[in-house]
Each structure stands twice: as structure tokens, then as C-alpha cells.
């Protein structure tokens, strides 16, 4: 190794060589995944073309010479559109290893490719005087876009499930100072679906500090160097995460990039902040310095007003549509145990305003008197107390809770504006009294019937996890996030995970 560089720990590399050999198939798995996504895209586009052709009255089965010529021409057009579509997806990086399964970028690539293909089709039809029926074009591109989105979402869910089981993972090395490396490792441990399988860490701290450290949060320390190419090649690493530059400085990072520029390696820089949605980040390069511009959260304005109006209208419509179900549930609650049908509880809403949160009653009327004793016996905390097999819950109430039907009366709260369809969990006054520091940010937005807390485990969450999810929502709210939460809520309700 050249002078001026620190050593690479060969003993650590020897220990990890076997696991690196086992992970060499990760590249092949990712290649198979890309081919699988491509194959699925082709099938979706083929299906959309056939459906659009059938809708336009094109002959699917050829009974005559005239229909044969028409059918052949239409199939040729459909095939050409399909080829252009796939090429466009390639052109917009829809099959890139850096975009597949990552955030919303994959869906953005599909959307842009679909729009470009539709534009090319319209331009081709104009140049060749080809009369393409509008119902054909609408069915093809609208149906194809929805189909591609659903297919890629399904593929992503499958891969995420496999990654949790340590399959389809990406061999990764994390580089940086010890404190920053620990921060990144904790995030990777908390979110195993991201697929980063950390083989080891490279510390940029001074050698005296490094000599006493064998592992960071269970991940072996494999070196202390700015010359890491040999290390990464021996480990078959595919991703290098730079948690911090440490003592390397800006020029040190550039030299590191130069060393790795001919390798097929993903280099990821972890910023110094967490729980920030990528949609709030813009890059502003100034004289070669990439500045990150962070958009401030929006708590007022047109988007919030639109959310309020849309939520109230949708909630009112649901109240009308679900009126028969609400009546049946009310009757079941009344017949199951003595007491009122509705349970009213004071909750704290936006800006600390109190309101009466409505639910179907799921507990016996003496539940409040038994609360303190149950908290003591379970060893829980009154701040966020829930227990499985709570003896205060009625027979009907248990079923309502599992399906989240007990919360349907909160649609009235949405109509009146004290709640929203999506938002943080509405806290009780006793909880707010114990808030410290950042937790008060929960009260900057309207609480919701559902939210990240519900689709991420509900009652299985710890107080810290629930607070982190609520604060993430407060900082990163958007219509896209709300729609995603609503869709995930349906799945959470059907599985009943964390509901008791």
C-alpha cells in the first residue's frame, strides 16, 4: 500500500471472505429481479394492448381476409408501441439498479416513460395519417400505467419480504466516524426491507481510537483507510455508504471517488439528518459545491385547505354509504353490554384545542375505574397504555377493534374539522401534559383517523416509535403520502396487525 495510507485489516478480510463468497450471488439475484420486472412489464403492456384493441373493436380472431389485414396492421402498431414503451422505460432509468425498489423514483420513471410513449404514438399517428381511436389510446396508456404501477408495487412487496429474510440483499460497507457509522447502522437495522447487508465498517477515526475497536454494533471493523478499493473488491461489495467524511475532508472524498470510478459500485452519502422525505430536498450546485436545499413543512396554505375540504367531502360521503353498517354495529354494541353506543373521549387536536373524539364503545362501562390497576399489573405506562387480552374489552368490542370498525364514528370528527382522514394519532390531555421537547410538534397538524402509526404496527409500537412516526408525518406531509397511508391502512385492517 502506498505511503500516507492507513492499513487494511487483512485478518478481518480473511474472516469475512466466506460470507463474501456466499453473497456473490447477490448480483445474480438482482439481475434476475431486473429480468423479472422486465418480463412483467412486457406482459402488462401486452395485456393492456389486447384490452385496448378489444375495446376499440379490433379483430382478436381473424375470420376473413379483410379482417386479417386489419388485424395484422393493428397488431403491428401494438407491437411497435410496446417496443417503444419498454425502450422509454429503459431511457428513463426504469430498470436501473439504483432506481428499482427505491422510493418514488421507480414510479416516476414509469410515468415519464408512459407519457413519452403516448406522445411518440400521437406524433407517429399524425405523420402517417393513422386513425387511432381515442378509446384505444386512453385504455392502452391509462390501463398500462395502472397495470405497470400495480405490478411494480407487487414486485417490490415480494422483494421487501425476501430482504427481511436476508435474501435479495446488497453487500454493503459503511465508512465514516464511529458515531456517524452507528447512526447509519441503527437505521439499517430498523429498516431491514431496504436490503443493505452490512459486511463491515471502515472507520475514519484516528488509528489509536481504531486499535481498541473490533466491531461497531456487531458489525466488524475491517479497516481504517482512504484507499478502500482493494478491500471492497475482496469483499465483493456492491454499495459503499459514506456516513461521514471524518478526517478525510472534501479532497479526501474526491480521491476516494477517483479510486472507485472504474468500479461498478454504488456510492451513497448519508446526510447528517434523519426522517426527511426526499421530495423536500433540492440540489443547488454552486461552483462545484452541491448544496442541499430543504423545503420547509407547510402547516397552512392552499394544500392544507384542499386537504380539509377533500377530507370533509369524502367523510360525509362515507357516512352516507356506510349508514346501514353503522346502524348494525350500533345495535350489536347496545345488545352486547349495558351502556351507551358511542364512547366520547377528550382528545387534543391541532394547536392544543380539545375536542370530543367519537368511537363505538368497545369496553365495559367501568373501564376507567380499572385502568390504574391494569397499568400496575402489566408493568406498562399510563402515557400510552394498551394491553393484549384486555379484560375490559367486550366480546363485540374485540371484533370491532380487530377490524378497526370502532373508529368509524370519527368520520363525524372529520366532517366537523376536529380530525382529518390521515394524520398523527390524537393524544389524550394526560399524554400532552407529559410531552417534552419535540413531541409538541405533533400538535402542529390535525390528528387523523389513520396514519403512519396505524400502518406500522398500531398498538405493537413503543412510545418512541410512535412519536418518531408522528413527527415524520408532521415534517413530510404530502398528498402522495396521504394516499399511500390510506392504501396501506386497508392492508393493515385486513391483517389485523397490532389491533387489540
Protein backbone atom coordinates (compact mmCIF):
# COMPACT_ATOMS: atom_id res chain seq x y z
CA UNK A 1 0.00 0.00 0.00
CA UNK A 2 1.24 3.48 -0.83
CA UNK A 3 2.73 5.70 1.81
CA UNK A 4 0.38 8.01 3.62
CA UNK A 5 -2.45 5.49 3.69
CA UNK A 6 -3.52 3.53 6.74
CA UNK A 7 -3.54 -0.25 6.71
CA UNK A 8 -6.38 -2.55 5.78
CA UNK A 9 -7.04 -5.29 8.30
CA UNK A 10 -6.24 -8.46 6.38
CA UNK A 11 -7.25 -10.67 9.30
CA UNK A 12 -10.74 -9.19 9.17
CA UNK A 13 -10.96 -9.72 5.41
CA UNK A 14 -9.97 -13.37 5.81
CA UNK A 15 -12.71 -13.84 8.38
CA UNK A 16 -15.27 -12.27 6.06
CA UNK A 17 -14.13 -13.95 2.85
CA UNK A 18 -16.51 -16.89 3.27
CA UNK A 19 -19.52 -14.66 3.77
CA UNK A 20 -18.44 -12.62 0.76
CA UNK A 21 -18.38 -15.80 -1.35
CA UNK A 22 -21.87 -16.59 -0.16
CA UNK A 23 -23.06 -13.12 -1.15
CA UNK A 24 -21.55 -13.22 -4.64
CA UNK A 25 -24.93 -14.49 -5.83
CA UNK A 26 -26.49 -11.16 -4.84
CA UNK A 27 -25.52 -9.74 -8.25
CA UNK A 28 -27.20 -12.64 -10.00
CA UNK A 29 -30.32 -12.22 -7.84
CA UNK A 30 -30.54 -8.55 -8.75
CA UNK A 31 -30.07 -9.39 -12.43
CA UNK A 32 -32.87 -11.94 -12.21
CA UNK A 33 -35.04 -9.37 -10.47
CA UNK A 34 -34.48 -6.85 -13.25
CA UNK A 35 -35.29 -9.50 -15.86
CA UNK A 36 -38.39 -10.45 -13.88
CA UNK A 37 -39.55 -6.83 -13.75
CA UNK A 38 -38.90 -6.50 -17.49
CA UNK A 39 -40.88 -9.68 -18.20
CA UNK A 40 -43.75 -8.47 -16.05
CA UNK A 41 -43.74 -5.10 -17.81
CA UNK A 42 -43.97 -6.84 -21.19
CA UNK A 43 -46.92 -8.94 -20.04
CA UNK A 44 -48.70 -5.88 -18.63
CA UNK A 45 -48.17 -3.92 -21.86
CA UNK A 46 -49.33 -6.91 -23.92
CA UNK A 47 -52.44 -7.25 -21.78
CA UNK A 48 -53.17 -3.52 -21.99
CA UNK A 49 -52.77 -3.64 -25.79
CA UNK A 50 -55.14 -6.58 -26.15
CA UNK A 51 -57.70 -4.97 -23.86
CA UNK A 52 -57.49 -1.65 -25.71
CA UNK A 53 -57.79 -3.42 -29.07
CA UNK A 54 -60.82 -5.37 -27.89
CA UNK A 55 -62.38 -2.17 -26.59
CA UNK A 56 -61.78 -0.48 -29.96
CA UNK A 57 -63.38 -3.39 -31.82
CA UNK A 58 -60.22 -4.68 -33.45
CA UNK A 59 -60.43 -8.35 -34.51
CA UNK A 60 -58.80 -10.65 -32.00
CA UNK A 61 -59.72 -13.74 -34.01
CA UNK A 62 -59.33 -13.35 -37.79
CA UNK A 63 -62.38 -14.64 -39.72
CA UNK A 64 -61.82 -13.01 -43.14
CA UNK A 65 -59.15 -11.64 -45.46
CA UNK A 66 -60.16 -8.02 -44.78
CA UNK A 67 -60.14 -8.56 -41.04
CA UNK A 68 -56.83 -10.40 -41.37
CA UNK A 69 -55.21 -7.35 -42.97
CA UNK A 70 -56.72 -5.03 -40.36
CA UNK A 71 -55.79 -7.34 -37.52
CA UNK A 72 -52.23 -7.68 -38.79
CA UNK A 73 -51.88 -3.91 -39.08
CA UNK A 74 -53.25 -3.32 -35.61
CA UNK A 75 -51.04 -5.99 -34.08
CA UNK A 76 -48.04 -4.38 -35.78
CA UNK A 77 -48.97 -0.99 -34.30
CA UNK A 78 -49.50 -2.54 -30.86
CA UNK A 79 -46.14 -4.33 -31.05
CA UNK A 80 -44.39 -1.12 -32.08
CA UNK A 81 -45.96 0.81 -29.22
CA UNK A 82 -44.91 -1.91 -26.78
CA UNK A 83 -41.30 -1.84 -28.00
CA UNK A 84 -41.14 1.96 -27.78
CA UNK A 85 -42.70 1.80 -24.31
CA UNK A 86 -40.06 -0.57 -22.97
CA UNK A 87 -37.27 1.42 -24.62
CA UNK A 88 -38.62 4.56 -22.96
CA UNK A 89 -38.65 2.85 -19.57
CA UNK A 90 -35.00 1.94 -20.16
CA UNK A 91 -34.29 5.52 -21.22
CA UNK A 92 -35.83 6.93 -18.04
CA UNK A 93 -33.78 4.50 -15.90
CA UNK A 94 -36.80 2.37 -15.03
CA UNK A 95 -34.61 -0.75 -14.94
CA UNK A 96 -31.62 0.84 -13.25
CA UNK A 97 -30.29 -0.94 -10.18
CA UNK A 98 -30.24 2.45 -8.47
CA UNK A 99 -33.97 3.03 -9.03
CA UNK A 100 -35.63 -0.37 -8.78
CA UNK A 101 -37.40 -0.58 -5.45
CA UNK A 102 -36.20 2.86 -4.29
CA UNK A 103 -38.68 5.47 -3.09
CA UNK A 104 -40.93 7.03 -5.71
CA UNK A 105 -38.21 7.29 -8.37
CA UNK A 106 -39.16 3.96 -9.92
CA UNK A 107 -42.78 5.03 -10.36
CA UNK A 108 -41.66 8.40 -11.70
CA UNK A 109 -39.62 6.61 -14.39
CA UNK A 110 -42.66 4.56 -15.42
CA UNK A 111 -44.87 7.66 -15.51
CA UNK A 112 -42.40 9.63 -17.63
CA UNK A 113 -41.88 6.68 -19.98
CA UNK A 114 -45.63 6.24 -20.42
CA UNK A 115 -46.12 9.94 -21.13
CA UNK A 116 -43.27 9.94 -23.65
CA UNK A 117 -44.63 6.83 -25.38
CA UNK A 118 -48.08 8.38 -25.65
CA UNK A 119 -46.52 11.48 -27.17
CA UNK A 120 -44.50 9.45 -29.67
CA UNK A 121 -47.62 7.47 -30.62
CA UNK A 122 -49.62 10.63 -31.24
CA UNK A 123 -46.77 12.11 -33.31
CA UNK A 124 -46.47 8.90 -35.37
CA UNK A 125 -50.22 8.82 -35.99
CA UNK A 126 -50.10 12.45 -37.14
CA UNK A 127 -47.21 11.86 -39.56
CA UNK A 128 -48.66 8.69 -41.09
CA UNK A 129 -52.32 9.78 -41.10
CA UNK A 130 -53.13 6.76 -38.94
CA UNK A 131 -56.52 6.96 -37.26
CA UNK A 132 -56.06 5.61 -33.74
CA UNK A 133 -59.38 5.54 -31.85
CA UNK A 134 -59.33 7.67 -28.73
CA UNK A 135 -60.80 4.87 -26.63
CA UNK A 136 -57.90 2.65 -27.76
CA UNK A 137 -55.26 5.20 -26.76
CA UNK A 138 -56.96 6.02 -23.46
CA UNK A 139 -57.42 2.36 -22.50
CA UNK A 140 -53.89 1.44 -23.58
CA UNK A 141 -51.95 4.12 -21.76
CA UNK A 142 -54.22 4.61 -18.73
CA UNK A 143 -54.64 0.87 -18.24
CA UNK A 144 -50.98 0.22 -18.93
CA UNK A 145 -49.85 2.86 -16.46
CA UNK A 146 -52.08 1.48 -13.70
CA UNK A 147 -51.02 -2.07 -14.53
CA UNK A 148 -47.32 -1.23 -14.52
CA UNK A 149 -47.67 0.59 -11.21
CA UNK A 150 -49.52 -2.31 -9.57
CA UNK A 151 -47.07 -4.86 -10.96
CA UNK A 152 -44.01 -2.99 -9.74
CA UNK A 153 -45.62 -2.38 -6.36
CA UNK A 154 -46.32 -6.12 -6.04
CA UNK A 155 -42.76 -7.00 -7.09
CA UNK A 156 -41.41 -4.53 -4.56
CA UNK A 157 -43.51 -6.03 -1.76
CA UNK A 158 -42.21 -9.51 -2.61
CA UNK A 159 -38.59 -8.34 -2.63
CA UNK A 160 -39.02 -6.46 0.64
CA UNK A 161 -40.41 -9.59 2.27
CA UNK A 162 -37.41 -11.55 1.00
CA UNK A 163 -34.99 -8.89 2.23
CA UNK A 164 -36.39 -9.13 5.73
CA UNK A 165 -35.42 -12.82 5.48
CA UNK A 166 -31.90 -11.78 4.36
CA UNK A 167 -32.46 -12.61 0.69
CA UNK A 168 -32.02 -10.22 -2.24
CA UNK A 169 -29.77 -8.07 -0.09
CA UNK A 170 -26.98 -5.76 -1.24
CA UNK A 171 -23.49 -6.38 0.23
CA UNK A 172 -22.57 -3.07 1.86
CA UNK A 173 -19.66 -1.42 3.65
CA UNK A 174 -20.21 1.69 5.79
CA UNK A 175 -17.41 4.27 6.04
CA UNK A 176 -17.12 7.16 8.49
CA UNK A 177 -16.51 8.18 12.06
CA UNK A 178 -17.75 5.80 14.72
CA UNK A 179 -20.69 7.92 15.91
CA UNK A 180 -21.97 8.52 12.38
CA UNK A 181 -21.48 4.86 11.43
CA UNK A 182 -23.54 3.82 14.46
CA UNK A 183 -26.35 6.16 13.36
CA UNK A 184 -26.49 4.59 9.88
CA UNK A 185 -26.26 1.03 11.22
CA UNK A 186 -29.21 1.64 13.56
CA UNK A 187 -31.31 2.86 10.64
CA UNK A 188 -30.39 -0.20 8.54
CA UNK A 189 -31.26 -2.45 11.48
CA UNK A 190 -34.60 -0.72 11.94
CA UNK A 191 -35.47 -0.90 8.22
CA UNK A 192 -34.29 -4.35 7.00
CA UNK A 193 -36.54 -4.11 3.93
CA UNK A 194 -34.06 -1.61 2.43
CA UNK A 195 -31.80 -4.57 1.71
CA UNK A 196 -28.42 -3.28 2.91
CA UNK A 197 -26.45 -6.27 4.27
CA UNK A 198 -23.53 -4.65 6.09
CA UNK A 199 -20.36 -6.75 5.75
CA UNK A 200 -18.24 -4.42 7.81
CA UNK A 201 -17.32 -0.84 8.57
CA UNK A 202 -14.30 1.31 7.74
CA UNK A 203 -13.55 3.88 10.41
CA UNK A 204 -12.05 7.24 9.52
CA UNK A 205 -11.14 8.00 13.14
CA UNK A 206 -7.51 8.15 14.18
CA UNK A 207 -5.54 4.91 14.45
CA UNK A 208 -5.26 4.99 18.25
CA UNK A 209 -9.04 5.02 18.61
CA UNK A 210 -9.39 2.33 15.96
CA UNK A 211 -6.96 -0.08 17.61
CA UNK A 212 -9.38 -0.57 20.52
CA UNK A 213 -12.45 -1.20 18.34
CA UNK A 214 -13.20 -4.62 16.84
CA UNK A 215 -16.85 -4.04 15.94
CA UNK A 216 -19.49 -1.34 15.81
CA UNK A 217 -22.96 -2.51 16.86
CA UNK A 218 -21.96 -6.07 15.99
CA UNK A 219 -20.54 -5.20 12.54
CA UNK A 220 -16.80 -6.00 12.24
CA UNK A 221 -14.35 -3.19 11.63
CA UNK A 222 -12.42 -4.18 8.50
CA UNK A 223 -10.14 -1.21 8.06
CA UNK A 224 -9.06 2.33 8.67
CA UNK A 225 -8.10 3.74 5.32
CA UNK A 226 -8.94 6.08 2.49
CA UNK A 227 -7.69 3.51 0.00
CA UNK A 228 -10.55 1.04 0.20
CA UNK A 229 -10.77 -0.28 -3.37
CA UNK A 230 -8.87 -3.50 -2.63
CA UNK A 231 -10.97 -4.05 0.47
CA UNK A 232 -14.25 -3.62 -1.39
CA UNK A 233 -13.17 -5.89 -4.24
CA UNK A 234 -12.14 -8.67 -1.86
CA UNK A 235 -15.45 -8.42 -0.04
CA UNK A 236 -17.50 -8.39 -3.29
CA UNK A 237 -19.12 -5.20 -2.01
CA UNK A 238 -21.75 -3.53 -4.19
CA UNK A 239 -22.53 -0.42 -2.12
CA UNK A 240 -20.33 1.92 -0.14
CA UNK A 241 -22.21 4.13 2.31
CA UNK A 242 -20.28 7.22 3.40
CA UNK A 243 -21.72 8.03 6.80
CA UNK A 244 -19.33 10.95 7.32
CA UNK A 245 -16.09 12.26 5.89
CA UNK A 246 -14.41 12.28 9.28
CA UNK A 247 -10.83 13.48 8.88
CA UNK A 248 -10.87 12.89 5.12
CA UNK A 249 -12.18 16.31 4.20
CA UNK A 250 -13.60 17.30 0.84
CA UNK A 251 -10.42 16.43 -1.07
CA UNK A 252 -10.23 13.07 0.62
CA UNK A 253 -13.74 12.22 -0.59
CA UNK A 254 -12.77 13.24 -4.13
CA UNK A 255 -9.72 10.97 -4.04
CA UNK A 256 -11.92 8.16 -2.79
CA UNK A 257 -14.26 8.71 -5.74
CA UNK A 258 -11.30 8.65 -8.13
CA UNK A 259 -10.16 5.31 -6.75
CA UNK A 260 -13.59 3.78 -7.30
CA UNK A 261 -14.61 5.48 -10.55
CA UNK A 262 -13.92 2.42 -12.76
CA UNK A 263 -15.78 0.01 -10.47
CA UNK A 264 -19.46 -0.92 -10.73
CA UNK A 265 -20.11 0.30 -7.22
CA UNK A 266 -22.92 2.36 -5.76
CA UNK A 267 -21.58 5.19 -3.62
CA UNK A 268 -24.17 6.57 -1.22
CA UNK A 269 -23.63 9.58 1.03
CA UNK A 270 -25.75 9.62 4.19
CA UNK A 271 -26.64 13.20 5.21
CA UNK A 272 -26.45 14.36 8.80
CA UNK A 273 -30.23 14.39 9.28
CA UNK A 274 -32.82 11.64 9.52
CA UNK A 275 -36.54 11.21 8.77
CA UNK A 276 -36.57 13.68 5.87
CA UNK A 277 -38.51 12.79 2.73
CA UNK A 278 -36.52 13.11 -0.49
CA UNK A 279 -39.32 15.21 -2.01
CA UNK A 280 -38.29 18.05 0.33
CA UNK A 281 -34.68 18.08 -0.89
CA UNK A 282 -33.39 20.02 -3.90
CA UNK A 283 -29.76 20.08 -5.01
CA UNK A 284 -28.35 23.53 -5.79
CA UNK A 285 -24.81 23.25 -7.17
CA UNK A 286 -22.71 26.39 -6.71
CA UNK A 287 -19.20 26.34 -8.19
CA UNK A 288 -18.97 22.58 -7.76
CA UNK A 289 -20.39 22.64 -4.23
CA UNK A 290 -23.67 20.65 -4.11
CA UNK A 291 -25.88 22.47 -1.63
CA UNK A 292 -28.97 20.71 -0.31
CA UNK A 293 -31.99 22.99 -0.18
CA UNK A 294 -34.55 21.79 2.37
CA UNK A 295 -38.17 22.79 1.83
CA UNK A 296 -39.93 23.89 5.00
CA UNK A 297 -43.01 21.93 6.15
CA UNK A 298 -46.33 23.53 5.18
CA UNK A 299 -48.85 23.91 8.00
CA UNK A 300 -51.12 26.42 6.26
CA UNK A 301 -51.94 27.43 2.71
CA UNK A 302 -53.87 26.09 -0.30
CA UNK A 303 -52.75 22.46 0.04
CA UNK A 304 -53.91 22.26 3.65
CA UNK A 305 -57.22 23.88 2.71
CA UNK A 306 -57.66 21.42 -0.14
CA UNK A 307 -56.93 18.53 2.22
CA UNK A 308 -59.51 19.84 4.68
CA UNK A 309 -62.24 20.23 2.05
CA UNK A 310 -61.50 16.92 0.31
CA UNK A 311 -61.42 15.08 3.64
CA UNK A 312 -64.75 16.53 4.78
CA UNK A 313 -66.47 15.71 1.48
CA UNK A 314 -65.12 12.15 1.44
CA UNK A 315 -66.02 11.60 5.11
CA UNK A 316 -69.58 12.84 4.52
CA UNK A 317 -69.94 10.52 1.53
CA UNK A 318 -68.66 7.57 3.56
CA UNK A 319 -71.12 8.32 6.36
CA UNK A 320 -73.99 8.10 3.88
CA UNK A 321 -72.69 4.94 2.19
CA UNK A 322 -71.88 3.20 5.47
CA UNK A 323 -75.09 4.20 7.26
CA UNK A 324 -76.54 0.64 7.21
CA UNK A 325 -73.29 -0.81 8.59
CA UNK A 326 -73.12 1.86 11.28
CA UNK A 327 -76.69 1.05 12.33
CA UNK A 328 -75.92 -2.68 12.58
CA UNK A 329 -72.79 -2.04 14.65
CA UNK A 330 -74.70 0.29 16.97
CA UNK A 331 -77.32 -2.39 17.54
CA UNK A 332 -74.64 -5.03 18.27
CA UNK A 333 -72.88 -2.77 20.78
CA UNK A 334 -76.17 -1.97 22.54
CA UNK A 335 -77.17 -5.63 22.84
CA UNK A 336 -73.73 -6.89 23.87
CA UNK A 337 -73.35 -4.97 27.15
CA UNK A 338 -75.12 -2.19 29.07
CA UNK A 339 -74.02 1.35 28.38
CA UNK A 340 -74.04 3.95 25.60
CA UNK A 341 -73.36 3.05 21.96
CA UNK A 342 -70.76 5.76 21.48
CA UNK A 343 -67.69 6.37 23.59
CA UNK A 344 -66.70 10.03 23.85
CA UNK A 345 -63.21 10.89 25.00
CA UNK A 346 -61.47 14.25 25.23
CA UNK A 347 -58.51 14.39 22.87
CA UNK A 348 -56.11 17.17 21.94
CA UNK A 349 -56.16 18.42 18.37
CA UNK A 350 -54.32 20.97 16.30
CA UNK A 351 -52.79 23.88 18.24
CA UNK A 352 -53.73 22.18 21.52
CA UNK A 353 -57.51 22.55 21.10
CA UNK A 354 -59.57 19.93 22.93
CA UNK A 355 -62.35 18.03 21.17
CA UNK A 356 -64.61 15.03 21.78
CA UNK A 357 -63.27 12.04 19.83
CA UNK A 358 -66.04 9.58 18.91
CA UNK A 359 -65.79 5.79 18.83
CA UNK A 360 -68.11 2.86 19.16
CA UNK A 361 -67.89 1.70 22.76
CA UNK A 362 -65.71 -1.42 22.95
CA UNK A 363 -65.24 -1.63 26.74
CA UNK A 364 -67.42 -2.16 29.76
CA UNK A 365 -68.65 1.00 31.47
CA UNK A 366 -66.30 0.55 34.46
CA UNK A 367 -63.17 0.52 32.26
CA UNK A 368 -61.87 3.84 33.61
CA UNK A 369 -62.01 2.66 37.22
CA UNK A 370 -59.98 -0.48 36.36
CA UNK A 371 -57.36 1.37 34.28
CA UNK A 372 -54.83 2.20 37.03
CA UNK A 373 -54.83 -1.34 38.40
CA UNK A 374 -54.23 -2.86 34.96
CA UNK A 375 -51.35 -0.47 34.29
CA UNK A 376 -49.72 -1.54 37.54
CA UNK A 377 -50.21 -5.26 36.91
CA UNK A 378 -48.94 -5.14 33.31
CA UNK A 379 -45.90 -3.01 34.10
CA UNK A 380 -46.88 -0.57 31.35
CA UNK A 381 -47.08 3.20 31.29
CA UNK A 382 -50.20 5.32 31.51
CA UNK A 383 -48.85 7.58 28.78
CA UNK A 384 -49.60 5.07 26.01
CA UNK A 385 -51.26 2.10 27.65
CA UNK A 386 -52.71 -0.81 25.72
CA UNK A 387 -52.56 -4.49 26.51
CA UNK A 388 -53.42 -7.66 24.69
CA UNK A 389 -56.41 -9.58 26.02
CA UNK A 390 -57.58 -6.54 27.98
CA UNK A 391 -60.36 -7.85 30.29
CA UNK A 392 -62.22 -4.54 29.97
CA UNK A 393 -62.93 -5.13 26.25
CA UNK A 394 -66.33 -6.61 25.40
CA UNK A 395 -66.90 -9.54 23.05
CA UNK A 396 -68.24 -7.35 20.25
CA UNK A 397 -65.63 -4.72 21.03
CA UNK A 398 -62.80 -7.16 20.41
CA UNK A 399 -64.08 -7.87 16.90
CA UNK A 400 -64.63 -4.18 16.20
CA UNK A 401 -61.10 -3.34 17.30
CA UNK A 402 -59.52 -6.07 15.19
CA UNK A 403 -61.22 -4.66 12.08
CA UNK A 404 -60.87 -1.01 13.23
CA UNK A 405 -64.64 -0.61 12.85
CA UNK A 406 -64.84 1.04 16.26
CA UNK A 407 -63.25 4.16 14.75
CA UNK A 408 -65.86 4.73 12.04
CA UNK A 409 -67.76 7.38 14.11
CA UNK A 410 -64.64 9.52 13.81
CA UNK A 411 -65.87 10.32 10.30
CA UNK A 412 -68.11 12.81 12.11
CA UNK A 413 -64.99 14.37 13.62
CA UNK A 414 -63.52 14.66 10.13
CA UNK A 415 -66.63 16.41 8.83
CA UNK A 416 -66.56 18.91 11.71
CA UNK A 417 -62.84 19.54 11.20
CA UNK A 418 -61.51 18.38 14.57
CA UNK A 419 -59.83 15.42 12.83
CA UNK A 420 -58.56 14.52 9.36
CA UNK A 421 -58.63 11.23 7.49
CA UNK A 422 -54.83 11.00 7.78
CA UNK A 423 -52.65 12.50 10.48
CA UNK A 424 -50.86 11.82 13.78
CA UNK A 425 -52.63 9.84 16.49
CA UNK A 426 -54.91 12.13 18.56
CA UNK A 427 -53.39 12.24 22.08
CA UNK A 428 -55.18 12.44 25.39
CA UNK A 429 -54.66 15.53 27.61
CA UNK A 430 -52.69 13.45 30.13
CA UNK A 431 -50.27 12.50 27.35
CA UNK A 432 -49.80 16.11 26.24
CA UNK A 433 -49.05 17.14 29.83
CA UNK A 434 -46.08 14.76 29.76
CA UNK A 435 -44.81 15.92 26.35
CA UNK A 436 -41.25 17.20 26.33
CA UNK A 437 -39.27 18.95 23.64
CA UNK A 438 -40.03 17.86 20.08
CA UNK A 439 -43.22 15.97 20.93
CA UNK A 440 -45.17 19.23 20.93
CA UNK A 441 -44.73 19.32 17.13
CA UNK A 442 -47.47 16.68 16.95
CA UNK A 443 -49.95 19.45 17.70
CA UNK A 444 -48.98 21.50 14.63
CA UNK A 445 -51.28 19.44 12.38
CA UNK A 446 -54.77 17.99 12.63
CA UNK A 447 -54.84 14.45 14.09
CA UNK A 448 -56.10 11.68 11.83
CA UNK A 449 -58.27 8.57 11.80
CA UNK A 450 -55.29 6.72 10.37
CA UNK A 451 -51.62 7.50 9.99
CA UNK A 452 -48.14 6.07 9.89
CA UNK A 453 -48.62 4.83 13.44
CA UNK A 454 -51.56 2.65 12.36
CA UNK A 455 -49.99 1.13 9.24
CA UNK A 456 -46.70 0.45 11.04
CA UNK A 457 -47.90 -1.69 13.91
CA UNK A 458 -50.50 0.32 15.87
CA UNK A 459 -50.58 -0.99 19.44
CA UNK A 460 -47.38 -3.02 18.92
CA UNK A 461 -45.38 0.21 18.65
CA UNK A 462 -43.38 1.60 21.53
CA UNK A 463 -43.87 5.19 22.67
CA UNK A 464 -40.61 6.20 20.97
CA UNK A 465 -41.54 4.56 17.66
CA UNK A 466 -45.00 6.10 17.67
CA UNK A 467 -43.55 9.56 18.35
CA UNK A 468 -40.94 9.19 15.58
CA UNK A 469 -43.60 8.24 13.02
CA UNK A 470 -45.86 11.12 14.03
CA UNK A 471 -43.01 13.63 13.79
CA UNK A 472 -42.04 12.23 10.38
CA UNK A 473 -45.57 12.82 9.16
CA UNK A 474 -45.66 16.36 10.55
CA UNK A 475 -42.43 17.26 8.73
CA UNK A 476 -43.08 15.45 5.44
CA UNK A 477 -46.82 15.64 4.81
CA UNK A 478 -47.95 15.49 1.16
CA UNK A 479 -50.97 14.27 -0.81
CA UNK A 480 -48.90 11.37 -2.16
CA UNK A 481 -48.00 10.32 1.38
CA UNK A 482 -51.66 10.54 2.46
CA UNK A 483 -52.77 8.33 -0.45
CA UNK A 484 -50.03 5.81 0.34
CA UNK A 485 -51.10 5.70 4.00
CA UNK A 486 -54.75 5.15 3.07
CA UNK A 487 -53.79 2.24 0.79
CA UNK A 488 -51.58 0.73 3.49
CA UNK A 489 -54.40 1.18 6.02
CA UNK A 490 -56.59 -1.19 4.03
CA UNK A 491 -53.90 -3.87 4.23
CA UNK A 492 -53.31 -3.21 7.95
CA UNK A 493 -57.02 -3.54 8.71
CA UNK A 494 -57.33 -6.79 6.75
CA UNK A 495 -54.35 -8.36 8.52
CA UNK A 496 -55.36 -7.01 11.94
CA UNK A 497 -51.70 -6.49 12.86
CA UNK A 498 -51.26 -4.56 16.10
CA UNK A 499 -55.01 -4.21 16.68
CA UNK A 500 -56.19 -5.06 20.20
